[in-house]
Every structure is written in C-alpha cells, then in structure tokens.
C-alpha cells in the first residue's frame, strides 16, 4: 500500500513496504498494557523483525499528558518482554529507558495505537502523546492514534462479533501502516539523509489515522496542531457522589466529556481538518512550550514597559 504525501516535509514523498533492519523499540500507550491497540502494534512490529519491549500502564491512564508518577511505582512482568507499570505513560517510558533497558540503546519509542484520535488542543491532555514527548528526552518517538469504526457507548448493548472484528481489522491496518512508515524512515529518505537517528534530535511525530480502510485514505498530510476553538473538554455533574471523609458529606462528582470538533475555523493545514478530509495527519512535535517568536516579541514589549 502506497501512501502519497500531500505536502513536502521531513516525511518523504511516499511510504512503501520495505524490508526493515531490526530496531530496538520501546512500546507504550495510555490505554493499558493489555489494550488491543498496543498488543496489535506489538505483534506487527515483532512480525517485521524488530526487538520490542512493551512497558505500559497496568490500567487505563488516559488524559495524563506527560505527568510523572512519584513515589513507589510497581512493575510487573506480564509476558515475554512485556511489563505492566503502576504509573503514567511518561513514567513507563522513563522506567523502560532508565531501568528495564538501561544498558541497551533504544532506537525508537512507539506510543499506541491509541483508541481515540489526539488532534488539536486536546493533544495537550493526551497520555499517548505525552509518552512520546517523554521519549524525546533521549530517543526518536512516534505516537499513533485513531478512532475505531465501532465505538461502544455507555448504557448501550455490547458490540456484535462483526463490529469487534471490524475494530480489530482497523487496529491491524494502523499497525501495518506503522511498520511501513518506520521501514521507510530506516531508508534515510530526503530530509533525513544526514541524520544519525531515525528522526532529527528532539523531534517526534504525532500521527493520527482516519477511520477509513487503507484504500479509502487519500494519503499523508504534514499538519499543524489545530486550535479546535469549537471543541472543549467539559465536566458535567453526576448524582450520587460518595462523601469525602473528614471534609464533606455532600460532595459533587463530575465526569469529563469532549465536545466533537467541527473542522473549519482552525490554523492552516490543521490536523483536525486533515483527518476529517481523509488523510493520515503527521504533526512534528518537540515538547517545546515556547510560543512563536512573533508572540514573544509582544511579551518583550510588556516586560520593557514593566521597568525592571
């Protein structure tokens, strides 16, 4: 399967299936070590000949960004080269790098495949992308995310066998693309020919895969993280909240919900728009919270007027 690139970038003009040399890959996620997305990714990467060490949360740790778990962090070996960690996704990467694989060279950190896309302003909350950002401290890192074709909603009947199979096939499609894309990076394509590693230093990729079959996907699009001004993470109150010991008997509990994005009013070439248009979106990330120079110049004027 060939994925044509929409615009020139550090990713090359196409991604084709090529034989890959064995990479030492640290694999993580935020959905938990036994989630279908990460286990499908593990099988695909190992099937391509890579050495994969899975270090992922014991439980769902979604929405934790790049938070680090302090205190005692339990680690359980749950399979051959697979470890469950009682901590955040970023903690998993740090434990994998500094403890489990401390005497090995890690060629690539892969985070995902996440159940749910990570685009626009919601990206800052993503544990999947947060784990990849933590990896950038020392290692090239790529986050993979997608929305499943069949989503199980609360208080609805469970998915049918056919719907489950459709989701499994979609995860396999994403993992197959990941294998192809990583193999392509290994060929040192245009823009990376002089790089020592798979990607430029401290540059990672946030990749979102549309809810389409491979034949329906229009190609790759180098994108910018959107603002999604019409999407927000909101909290709504729920009845029946248990009391908080020693503080209150009538606490109010809240549950988060995401208002879906409507593409249109966003930055140029936003990942939200590209994904909605049927492209695999690729956003270069570096974990740098510095605002663009133009905004920094405006703040400089504020500081000069402050007079200190």
C-alpha atoms as a PDB file:
ATOM      1  CA  UNK A   1       0.000   0.000   0.000  1.00  0.00           C
ATOM      2  CA  UNK A   2       1.434   3.371  -1.023  1.00  0.00           C
ATOM      3  CA  UNK A   3       0.529   6.486   0.947  1.00  0.00           C
ATOM      4  CA  UNK A   4       1.189   9.639  -1.085  1.00  0.00           C
ATOM      5  CA  UNK A   5       2.302  12.696   0.850  1.00  0.00           C
ATOM      6  CA  UNK A   6       0.153  15.801   0.482  1.00  0.00           C
ATOM      7  CA  UNK A   7       2.922  18.343   1.151  1.00  0.00           C
ATOM      8  CA  UNK A   8       6.726  18.445   1.329  1.00  0.00           C
ATOM      9  CA  UNK A   9       8.152  17.748   4.776  1.00  0.00           C
ATOM     10  CA  UNK A  10      10.558  15.693   6.840  1.00  0.00           C
ATOM     11  CA  UNK A  11       8.488  12.672   5.891  1.00  0.00           C
ATOM     12  CA  UNK A  12       9.282  11.576   2.347  1.00  0.00           C
ATOM     13  CA  UNK A  13       7.210  11.585  -0.793  1.00  0.00           C
ATOM     14  CA  UNK A  14       5.791   8.131  -0.209  1.00  0.00           C
ATOM     15  CA  UNK A  15       5.699   5.319   2.281  1.00  0.00           C
ATOM     16  CA  UNK A  16       6.272   1.896   0.771  1.00  0.00           C
ATOM     17  CA  UNK A  17       6.735  -1.554   2.194  1.00  0.00           C
ATOM     18  CA  UNK A  18      10.456  -2.139   2.503  1.00  0.00           C
ATOM     19  CA  UNK A  19      12.462  -4.699   4.431  1.00  0.00           C
ATOM     20  CA  UNK A  20      13.442  -3.227   7.783  1.00  0.00           C
ATOM     21  CA  UNK A  21      16.513  -3.908   9.839  1.00  0.00           C
ATOM     22  CA  UNK A  22      15.863  -4.883  13.430  1.00  0.00           C
ATOM     23  CA  UNK A  23      15.295  -1.877  15.662  1.00  0.00           C
ATOM     24  CA  UNK A  24      15.232  -1.896  19.450  1.00  0.00           C
ATOM     25  CA  UNK A  25      11.773  -0.428  20.135  1.00  0.00           C
ATOM     26  CA  UNK A  26      10.253   0.645  23.439  1.00  0.00           C
ATOM     27  CA  UNK A  27       6.474   0.343  23.081  1.00  0.00           C
ATOM     28  CA  UNK A  28       3.970   2.046  25.374  1.00  0.00           C
ATOM     29  CA  UNK A  29       0.481   3.572  25.466  1.00  0.00           C
ATOM     30  CA  UNK A  30      -2.022   5.118  27.860  1.00  0.00           C
ATOM     31  CA  UNK A  31      -4.868   2.587  27.467  1.00  0.00           C
ATOM     32  CA  UNK A  32      -3.079  -0.161  29.397  1.00  0.00           C
ATOM     33  CA  UNK A  33      -0.659  -2.960  28.553  1.00  0.00           C
ATOM     34  CA  UNK A  34      -3.423  -5.388  27.551  1.00  0.00           C
ATOM     35  CA  UNK A  35      -5.340  -2.983  25.294  1.00  0.00           C
ATOM     36  CA  UNK A  36      -5.972  -4.279  21.788  1.00  0.00           C
ATOM     37  CA  UNK A  37      -4.268  -1.322  20.117  1.00  0.00           C
ATOM     38  CA  UNK A  38      -0.878  -1.842  21.760  1.00  0.00           C
ATOM     39  CA  UNK A  39      -0.972  -5.635  21.531  1.00  0.00           C
ATOM     40  CA  UNK A  40      -1.768  -5.423  17.815  1.00  0.00           C
ATOM     41  CA  UNK A  41       1.075  -2.947  17.359  1.00  0.00           C
ATOM     42  CA  UNK A  42       3.449  -5.232  19.280  1.00  0.00           C
ATOM     43  CA  UNK A  43       2.577  -8.214  17.083  1.00  0.00           C
ATOM     44  CA  UNK A  44       3.079  -6.200  13.884  1.00  0.00           C
ATOM     45  CA  UNK A  45       6.423  -4.728  14.952  1.00  0.00           C
ATOM     46  CA  UNK A  46       7.727  -8.098  16.110  1.00  0.00           C
ATOM     47  CA  UNK A  47       6.444  -9.664  12.901  1.00  0.00           C
ATOM     48  CA  UNK A  48       8.549  -7.138  10.978  1.00  0.00           C
ATOM     49  CA  UNK A  49      11.634  -8.370  12.823  1.00  0.00           C
ATOM     50  CA  UNK A  50      12.014  -5.647  15.446  1.00  0.00           C
ATOM     51  CA  UNK A  51      13.019  -6.239  19.053  1.00  0.00           C
ATOM     52  CA  UNK A  52      10.081  -4.884  21.049  1.00  0.00           C
ATOM     53  CA  UNK A  53       9.903  -4.271  24.785  1.00  0.00           C
ATOM     54  CA  UNK A  54       6.412  -3.345  25.921  1.00  0.00           C
ATOM     55  CA  UNK A  55       6.297  -1.110  29.007  1.00  0.00           C
ATOM     56  CA  UNK A  56       2.790   0.239  29.553  1.00  0.00           C
ATOM     57  CA  UNK A  57       0.377   1.106  32.377  1.00  0.00           C
ATOM     58  CA  UNK A  58      -1.325  -1.648  34.340  1.00  0.00           C
ATOM     59  CA  UNK A  59      -4.602   0.263  33.982  1.00  0.00           C
ATOM     60  CA  UNK A  60      -6.087   2.920  31.737  1.00  0.00           C
ATOM     61  CA  UNK A  61      -4.094   6.137  32.261  1.00  0.00           C
ATOM     62  CA  UNK A  62      -5.686   8.235  29.518  1.00  0.00           C
ATOM     63  CA  UNK A  63      -5.626  12.008  29.779  1.00  0.00           C
ATOM     64  CA  UNK A  64      -2.484  12.290  31.896  1.00  0.00           C
ATOM     65  CA  UNK A  65      -0.365  14.165  29.340  1.00  0.00           C
ATOM     66  CA  UNK A  66       3.340  13.842  30.264  1.00  0.00           C
ATOM     67  CA  UNK A  67       2.743  13.567  34.011  1.00  0.00           C
ATOM     68  CA  UNK A  68       5.274  11.546  36.018  1.00  0.00           C
ATOM     69  CA  UNK A  69       4.196   9.246  38.862  1.00  0.00           C
ATOM     70  CA  UNK A  70       6.166   9.947  42.024  1.00  0.00           C
ATOM     71  CA  UNK A  71       6.524   7.542  44.935  1.00  0.00           C
ATOM     72  CA  UNK A  72       6.723   3.761  44.747  1.00  0.00           C
ATOM     73  CA  UNK A  73       5.860   2.542  41.240  1.00  0.00           C
ATOM     74  CA  UNK A  74       5.108  -1.188  40.949  1.00  0.00           C
ATOM     75  CA  UNK A  75       6.284  -3.006  37.814  1.00  0.00           C
ATOM     76  CA  UNK A  76       5.001  -6.465  36.919  1.00  0.00           C
ATOM     77  CA  UNK A  77       6.324  -8.669  34.117  1.00  0.00           C
ATOM     78  CA  UNK A  78       3.150  -9.712  32.312  1.00  0.00           C
ATOM     79  CA  UNK A  79       4.733 -11.621  29.436  1.00  0.00           C
ATOM     80  CA  UNK A  80       7.938 -12.104  27.482  1.00  0.00           C
ATOM     81  CA  UNK A  81       9.475  -8.613  27.196  1.00  0.00           C
ATOM     82  CA  UNK A  82       6.204  -7.116  28.462  1.00  0.00           C
ATOM     83  CA  UNK A  83       5.840  -5.079  31.648  1.00  0.00           C
ATOM     84  CA  UNK A  84       2.851  -3.506  33.347  1.00  0.00           C
ATOM     85  CA  UNK A  85       3.581  -0.354  35.325  1.00  0.00           C
ATOM     86  CA  UNK A  86       1.509   1.199  38.088  1.00  0.00           C
ATOM     87  CA  UNK A  87       2.102   4.682  36.766  1.00  0.00           C
ATOM     88  CA  UNK A  88       1.574   7.153  33.954  1.00  0.00           C
ATOM     89  CA  UNK A  89       2.575   6.584  30.313  1.00  0.00           C
ATOM     90  CA  UNK A  90       5.504   9.008  30.636  1.00  0.00           C
ATOM     91  CA  UNK A  91       6.600   7.099  33.737  1.00  0.00           C
ATOM     92  CA  UNK A  92       6.510   3.888  31.687  1.00  0.00           C
ATOM     93  CA  UNK A  93       8.884   5.407  29.138  1.00  0.00           C
ATOM     94  CA  UNK A  94      11.256   6.659  31.821  1.00  0.00           C
ATOM     95  CA  UNK A  95      11.256   3.303  33.633  1.00  0.00           C
ATOM     96  CA  UNK A  96      11.760   1.495  30.352  1.00  0.00           C
ATOM     97  CA  UNK A  97      14.674   3.698  29.409  1.00  0.00           C
ATOM     98  CA  UNK A  98      16.425   4.085  32.770  1.00  0.00           C
ATOM     99  CA  UNK A  99      15.685   0.728  34.420  1.00  0.00           C
ATOM    100  CA  UNK A 100      14.404  -2.107  32.245  1.00  0.00           C
ATOM    101  CA  UNK A 101      16.519  -1.225  29.184  1.00  0.00           C
ATOM    102  CA  UNK A 102      19.134   0.868  30.982  1.00  0.00           C
ATOM    103  CA  UNK A 103      22.079  -0.970  29.391  1.00  0.00           C
ATOM    104  CA  UNK A 104      20.651  -1.018  25.862  1.00  0.00           C
ATOM    105  CA  UNK A 105      20.355   1.531  23.063  1.00  0.00           C
ATOM    106  CA  UNK A 106      16.725   2.284  22.248  1.00  0.00           C
ATOM    107  CA  UNK A 107      16.262   3.184  18.592  1.00  0.00           C
ATOM    108  CA  UNK A 108      12.634   4.272  18.760  1.00  0.00           C
ATOM    109  CA  UNK A 109       9.798   4.870  21.207  1.00  0.00           C
ATOM    110  CA  UNK A 110       6.378   3.962  19.804  1.00  0.00           C
ATOM    111  CA  UNK A 111       3.255   5.030  21.697  1.00  0.00           C
ATOM    112  CA  UNK A 112      -0.063   3.463  20.705  1.00  0.00           C
ATOM    113  CA  UNK A 113      -2.092   2.639  18.863  1.00  0.00           C
ATOM    114  CA  UNK A 114      -4.393   4.772  20.988  1.00  0.00           C
ATOM    115  CA  UNK A 115      -8.142   4.179  20.987  1.00  0.00           C
ATOM    116  CA  UNK A 116      -9.180   7.737  20.084  1.00  0.00           C
ATOM    117  CA  UNK A 117      -7.511  10.405  17.992  1.00  0.00           C
ATOM    118  CA  UNK A 118      -5.227  13.032  19.506  1.00  0.00           C
ATOM    119  CA  UNK A 119      -5.594  16.189  17.464  1.00  0.00           C
ATOM    120  CA  UNK A 120      -5.985  19.887  18.062  1.00  0.00           C
ATOM    121  CA  UNK A 121      -5.948  21.395  21.516  1.00  0.00           C
ATOM    122  CA  UNK A 122      -6.921  18.039  23.030  1.00  0.00           C
ATOM    123  CA  UNK A 123      -3.404  16.821  22.247  1.00  0.00           C
ATOM    124  CA  UNK A 124      -2.022  18.576  25.324  1.00  0.00           C
ATOM    125  CA  UNK A 125      -4.026  16.208  27.554  1.00  0.00           C
ATOM    126  CA  UNK A 126      -3.020  13.047  25.710  1.00  0.00           C
ATOM    127  CA  UNK A 127      -1.115  10.397  27.626  1.00  0.00           C
ATOM    128  CA  UNK A 128      -0.245   8.779  24.293  1.00  0.00           C
ATOM    129  CA  UNK A 129       1.469  11.916  23.003  1.00  0.00           C
ATOM    130  CA  UNK A 130       2.802  12.686  26.490  1.00  0.00           C
ATOM    131  CA  UNK A 131       4.636   9.355  26.485  1.00  0.00           C
ATOM    132  CA  UNK A 132       6.164  10.132  23.093  1.00  0.00           C
ATOM    133  CA  UNK A 133       7.215  13.557  24.372  1.00  0.00           C
ATOM    134  CA  UNK A 134       8.924  11.932  27.358  1.00  0.00           C
ATOM    135  CA  UNK A 135      10.756   9.679  24.938  1.00  0.00           C
ATOM    136  CA  UNK A 136      12.124  12.696  23.083  1.00  0.00           C
ATOM    137  CA  UNK A 137      14.428  13.403  26.025  1.00  0.00           C
ATOM    138  CA  UNK A 138      16.732  10.792  24.520  1.00  0.00           C
ATOM    139  CA  UNK A 139      15.084   8.869  21.687  1.00  0.00           C
ATOM    140  CA  UNK A 140      13.126   9.406  18.453  1.00  0.00           C
ATOM    141  CA  UNK A 141       9.448   8.900  19.279  1.00  0.00           C
ATOM    142  CA  UNK A 142       6.202   8.414  17.366  1.00  0.00           C
ATOM    143  CA  UNK A 143       2.631   8.418  18.691  1.00  0.00           C
ATOM    144  CA  UNK A 144      -0.116   6.619  16.748  1.00  0.00           C
ATOM    145  CA  UNK A 145      -3.828   7.259  17.367  1.00  0.00           C
ATOM    146  CA  UNK A 146      -7.129   6.502  15.656  1.00  0.00           C
ATOM    147  CA  UNK A 147     -10.874   6.453  16.162  1.00  0.00           C
ATOM    148  CA  UNK A 148     -12.398   2.999  15.870  1.00  0.00           C
ATOM    149  CA  UNK A 149     -15.157   2.396  13.318  1.00  0.00           C
ATOM    150  CA  UNK A 150     -17.361   0.899  16.041  1.00  0.00           C
ATOM    151  CA  UNK A 151     -17.456   2.588  19.440  1.00  0.00           C
ATOM    152  CA  UNK A 152     -19.135   1.048  22.460  1.00  0.00           C
ATOM    153  CA  UNK A 153     -21.098   3.720  24.321  1.00  0.00           C
ATOM    154  CA  UNK A 154     -22.115   3.631  27.947  1.00  0.00           C
ATOM    155  CA  UNK A 155     -25.520   2.122  28.652  1.00  0.00           C
ATOM    156  CA  UNK A 156     -25.700   0.610  25.158  1.00  0.00           C
ATOM    157  CA  UNK A 157     -25.644  -3.074  24.146  1.00  0.00           C
ATOM    158  CA  UNK A 158     -22.138  -4.563  23.699  1.00  0.00           C
ATOM    159  CA  UNK A 159     -20.640  -4.681  20.235  1.00  0.00           C
ATOM    160  CA  UNK A 160     -21.527  -7.601  18.000  1.00  0.00           C
ATOM    161  CA  UNK A 161     -18.880 -10.085  16.892  1.00  0.00           C
ATOM    162  CA  UNK A 162     -18.861  -8.435  13.467  1.00  0.00           C
ATOM    163  CA  UNK A 163     -18.297  -4.984  14.988  1.00  0.00           C
ATOM    164  CA  UNK A 164     -15.487  -6.303  17.189  1.00  0.00           C
ATOM    165  CA  UNK A 165     -13.868  -7.866  14.126  1.00  0.00           C
ATOM    166  CA  UNK A 166     -14.164  -4.552  12.261  1.00  0.00           C
ATOM    167  CA  UNK A 167     -12.330  -2.768  15.091  1.00  0.00           C
ATOM    168  CA  UNK A 168      -9.642  -5.454  15.182  1.00  0.00           C
ATOM    169  CA  UNK A 169      -9.071  -5.079  11.444  1.00  0.00           C
ATOM    170  CA  UNK A 170      -8.772  -1.317  11.847  1.00  0.00           C
ATOM    171  CA  UNK A 171      -6.118  -1.666  14.553  1.00  0.00           C
ATOM    172  CA  UNK A 172      -4.271  -4.074  12.238  1.00  0.00           C
ATOM    173  CA  UNK A 173      -4.429  -1.512   9.415  1.00  0.00           C
ATOM    174  CA  UNK A 174      -2.870   1.151  11.640  1.00  0.00           C
ATOM    175  CA  UNK A 175      -0.160  -1.236  12.820  1.00  0.00           C
ATOM    176  CA  UNK A 176       0.617  -2.266   9.234  1.00  0.00           C
ATOM    177  CA  UNK A 177       0.985   1.385   8.298  1.00  0.00           C
ATOM    178  CA  UNK A 178       3.276   1.948  11.289  1.00  0.00           C
ATOM    179  CA  UNK A 179       5.525  -0.906  10.149  1.00  0.00           C
ATOM    180  CA  UNK A 180       5.690   0.520   6.612  1.00  0.00           C
ATOM    181  CA  UNK A 181       6.355   4.036   7.819  1.00  0.00           C
ATOM    182  CA  UNK A 182       9.125   3.002  10.221  1.00  0.00           C
ATOM    183  CA  UNK A 183      10.719   0.907   7.471  1.00  0.00           C
ATOM    184  CA  UNK A 184      10.641   3.977   5.252  1.00  0.00           C
ATOM    185  CA  UNK A 185      12.359   6.097   7.914  1.00  0.00           C
ATOM    186  CA  UNK A 186      15.117   3.497   8.049  1.00  0.00           C
ATOM    187  CA  UNK A 187      15.940   4.170   4.387  1.00  0.00           C
ATOM    188  CA  UNK A 188      17.033   7.725   5.316  1.00  0.00           C
ATOM    189  CA  UNK A 189      14.686   9.442   2.846  1.00  0.00           C
ATOM    190  CA  UNK A 190      15.011  13.012   1.620  1.00  0.00           C
ATOM    191  CA  UNK A 191      15.331  15.396   4.536  1.00  0.00           C
ATOM    192  CA  UNK A 192      16.804  12.755   6.858  1.00  0.00           C
ATOM    193  CA  UNK A 193      19.807  11.596   4.841  1.00  0.00           C
ATOM    194  CA  UNK A 194      22.342  13.223   7.185  1.00  0.00           C
ATOM    195  CA  UNK A 195      20.580  12.349  10.448  1.00  0.00           C
ATOM    196  CA  UNK A 196      22.241   9.907  12.815  1.00  0.00           C
ATOM    197  CA  UNK A 197      18.886   8.660  14.122  1.00  0.00           C
ATOM    198  CA  UNK A 198      15.514   7.902  12.540  1.00  0.00           C
ATOM    199  CA  UNK A 199      14.346  11.476  13.139  1.00  0.00           C
ATOM    200  CA  UNK A 200      16.084  14.776  13.884  1.00  0.00           C
ATOM    201  CA  UNK A 201      17.163  15.225  17.501  1.00  0.00           C
ATOM    202  CA  UNK A 202      14.270  16.002  19.857  1.00  0.00           C
ATOM    203  CA  UNK A 203      11.730  15.821  17.042  1.00  0.00           C
ATOM    204  CA  UNK A 204       8.921  13.282  17.263  1.00  0.00           C
ATOM    205  CA  UNK A 205       5.749  12.670  15.301  1.00  0.00           C
ATOM    206  CA  UNK A 206       2.104  12.686  16.360  1.00  0.00           C
ATOM    207  CA  UNK A 207       0.340  10.531  13.753  1.00  0.00           C
ATOM    208  CA  UNK A 208      -3.426  10.215  13.518  1.00  0.00           C
ATOM    209  CA  UNK A 209      -5.015   7.617  11.260  1.00  0.00           C
ATOM    210  CA  UNK A 210      -8.519   8.253   9.869  1.00  0.00           C
ATOM    211  CA  UNK A 211     -11.429   5.870  10.395  1.00  0.00           C
ATOM    212  CA  UNK A 212     -11.160   4.572   6.848  1.00  0.00           C
ATOM    213  CA  UNK A 213      -9.904   1.473   5.072  1.00  0.00           C
ATOM    214  CA  UNK A 214      -6.413   1.731   3.515  1.00  0.00           C
ATOM    215  CA  UNK A 215      -7.910   2.071   0.026  1.00  0.00           C
ATOM    216  CA  UNK A 216     -10.106   4.966   1.147  1.00  0.00           C
ATOM    217  CA  UNK A 217      -7.264   7.013   2.668  1.00  0.00           C
ATOM    218  CA  UNK A 218      -6.212   9.922   0.466  1.00  0.00           C
ATOM    219  CA  UNK A 219      -2.581   9.953   1.601  1.00  0.00           C
ATOM    220  CA  UNK A 220      -0.298  11.564   4.156  1.00  0.00           C
ATOM    221  CA  UNK A 221      -0.573  15.205   5.155  1.00  0.00           C
ATOM    222  CA  UNK A 222       2.045  17.132   7.096  1.00  0.00           C
ATOM    223  CA  UNK A 223      -0.091  19.092   9.537  1.00  0.00           C
ATOM    224  CA  UNK A 224      -0.029  21.632  12.325  1.00  0.00           C
ATOM    225  CA  UNK A 225      -1.683  21.023  15.664  1.00  0.00           C
ATOM    226  CA  UNK A 226      -5.059  22.698  15.440  1.00  0.00           C
ATOM    227  CA  UNK A 227      -6.645  25.005  17.971  1.00  0.00           C
ATOM    228  CA  UNK A 228     -10.126  23.459  17.761  1.00  0.00           C
ATOM    229  CA  UNK A 229     -11.811  26.574  19.130  1.00  0.00           C
ATOM    230  CA  UNK A 230     -15.187  24.830  18.883  1.00  0.00           C
ATOM    231  CA  UNK A 231     -14.081  21.764  20.806  1.00  0.00           C
ATOM    232  CA  UNK A 232     -13.635  21.639  24.528  1.00  0.00           C
ATOM    233  CA  UNK A 233     -13.224  19.242  27.398  1.00  0.00           C
ATOM    234  CA  UNK A 234     -16.167  19.839  29.698  1.00  0.00           C
ATOM    235  CA  UNK A 235     -17.188  18.359  33.034  1.00  0.00           C
ATOM    236  CA  UNK A 236     -20.792  17.609  33.958  1.00  0.00           C
ATOM    237  CA  UNK A 237     -22.136  16.800  37.415  1.00  0.00           C
ATOM    238  CA  UNK A 238     -23.327  13.318  38.302  1.00  0.00           C
ATOM    239  CA  UNK A 239     -25.741  12.411  41.103  1.00  0.00           C
ATOM    240  CA  UNK A 240     -24.887  10.009  43.880  1.00  0.00           C
ATOM    241  CA  UNK A 241     -21.367  11.130  44.691  1.00  0.00           C
ATOM    242  CA  UNK A 242     -19.894   9.428  47.775  1.00  0.00           C
ATOM    243  CA  UNK A 243     -18.904  11.657  50.708  1.00  0.00           C
ATOM    244  CA  UNK A 244     -15.333  12.831  51.160  1.00  0.00           C
ATOM    245  CA  UNK A 245     -14.122  11.636  54.591  1.00  0.00           C
ATOM    246  CA  UNK A 246     -13.380  14.413  57.074  1.00  0.00           C
ATOM    247  CA  UNK A 247     -14.379  17.110  54.569  1.00  0.00           C
ATOM    248  CA  UNK A 248     -17.938  16.836  53.315  1.00  0.00           C
ATOM    249  CA  UNK A 249     -20.948  14.543  53.271  1.00  0.00           C
ATOM    250  CA  UNK A 250     -22.467  16.108  50.173  1.00  0.00           C
ATOM    251  CA  UNK A 251     -19.666  16.300  47.611  1.00  0.00           C
ATOM    252  CA  UNK A 252     -20.486  16.721  43.927  1.00  0.00           C
ATOM    253  CA  UNK A 253     -18.864  14.389  41.389  1.00  0.00           C
ATOM    254  CA  UNK A 254     -18.070  15.436  37.824  1.00  0.00           C
ATOM    255  CA  UNK A 255     -17.303  13.408  34.732  1.00  0.00           C
ATOM    256  CA  UNK A 256     -15.365  14.674  31.669  1.00  0.00           C
ATOM    257  CA  UNK A 257     -16.781  14.752  28.153  1.00  0.00           C
ATOM    258  CA  UNK A 258     -15.363  16.024  24.857  1.00  0.00           C
ATOM    259  CA  UNK A 259     -17.411  18.213  22.538  1.00  0.00           C
ATOM    260  CA  UNK A 260     -16.655  16.975  18.983  1.00  0.00           C
ATOM    261  CA  UNK A 261     -14.685  19.241  16.680  1.00  0.00           C
ATOM    262  CA  UNK A 262     -16.187  20.774  13.562  1.00  0.00           C
ATOM    263  CA  UNK A 263     -13.369  21.487  11.057  1.00  0.00           C
ATOM    264  CA  UNK A 264     -13.219  24.924   9.523  1.00  0.00           C
ATOM    265  CA  UNK A 265     -12.181  27.634  11.963  1.00  0.00           C
ATOM    266  CA  UNK A 266      -8.652  26.487  12.681  1.00  0.00           C
ATOM    267  CA  UNK A 267      -4.997  27.000  11.797  1.00  0.00           C
ATOM    268  CA  UNK A 268      -3.812  26.389   8.246  1.00  0.00           C
ATOM    269  CA  UNK A 269      -3.320  22.682   7.475  1.00  0.00           C
ATOM    270  CA  UNK A 270      -4.574  21.659  10.911  1.00  0.00           C
ATOM    271  CA  UNK A 271      -4.560  18.014  11.912  1.00  0.00           C
ATOM    272  CA  UNK A 272      -8.289  18.230  12.673  1.00  0.00           C
ATOM    273  CA  UNK A 273      -9.078  19.331   9.124  1.00  0.00           C
ATOM    274  CA  UNK A 274      -6.674  16.860   7.506  1.00  0.00           C
ATOM    275  CA  UNK A 275      -8.081  13.907   9.420  1.00  0.00           C
ATOM    276  CA  UNK A 276     -11.642  14.892   8.541  1.00  0.00           C
ATOM    277  CA  UNK A 277     -10.599  15.148   4.884  1.00  0.00           C
ATOM    278  CA  UNK A 278      -9.424  11.536   4.884  1.00  0.00           C
ATOM    279  CA  UNK A 279      -5.652  11.956   5.347  1.00  0.00           C
ATOM    280  CA  UNK A 280      -3.225  10.396   7.767  1.00  0.00           C
ATOM    281  CA  UNK A 281      -2.040  13.504   9.589  1.00  0.00           C
ATOM    282  CA  UNK A 282       1.548  13.853  10.771  1.00  0.00           C
ATOM    283  CA  UNK A 283       2.435  16.633  13.209  1.00  0.00           C
ATOM    284  CA  UNK A 284       6.101  17.120  14.191  1.00  0.00           C
ATOM    285  CA  UNK A 285       6.363  17.565  17.975  1.00  0.00           C
ATOM    286  CA  UNK A 286       9.204  18.546  20.303  1.00  0.00           C
ATOM    287  CA  UNK A 287       7.642  19.253  23.698  1.00  0.00           C
ATOM    288  CA  UNK A 288       8.763  22.882  23.498  1.00  0.00           C
ATOM    289  CA  UNK A 289       6.212  25.142  25.165  1.00  0.00           C
ATOM    290  CA  UNK A 290       7.803  28.332  23.793  1.00  0.00           C
ATOM    291  CA  UNK A 291       5.333  30.459  21.828  1.00  0.00           C
ATOM    292  CA  UNK A 292       6.198  31.603  18.286  1.00  0.00           C
ATOM    293  CA  UNK A 293       8.730  34.416  18.039  1.00  0.00           C
ATOM    294  CA  UNK A 294       6.037  36.859  16.936  1.00  0.00           C
ATOM    295  CA  UNK A 295       4.191  36.361  20.216  1.00  0.00           C
ATOM    296  CA  UNK A 296       7.422  36.530  22.184  1.00  0.00           C
ATOM    297  CA  UNK A 297       8.071  39.958  20.684  1.00  0.00           C
ATOM    298  CA  UNK A 298       4.772  41.252  22.034  1.00  0.00           C
ATOM    299  CA  UNK A 299       5.586  39.974  25.517  1.00  0.00           C
ATOM    300  CA  UNK A 300       9.019  41.610  25.284  1.00  0.00           C
ATOM    301  CA  UNK A 301       7.281  44.958  24.929  1.00  0.00           C
ATOM    302  CA  UNK A 302       5.255  44.231  28.058  1.00  0.00           C
ATOM    303  CA  UNK A 303       8.430  43.468  30.010  1.00  0.00           C
ATOM    304  CA  UNK A 304      10.171  46.617  28.785  1.00  0.00           C
ATOM    305  CA  UNK A 305       7.257  48.721  29.988  1.00  0.00           C
ATOM    306  CA  UNK A 306       7.319  46.944  33.343  1.00  0.00           C
ATOM    307  CA  UNK A 307      10.596  48.770  34.003  1.00  0.00           C
ATOM    308  CA  UNK A 308      12.716  46.163  35.792  1.00  0.00           C
END
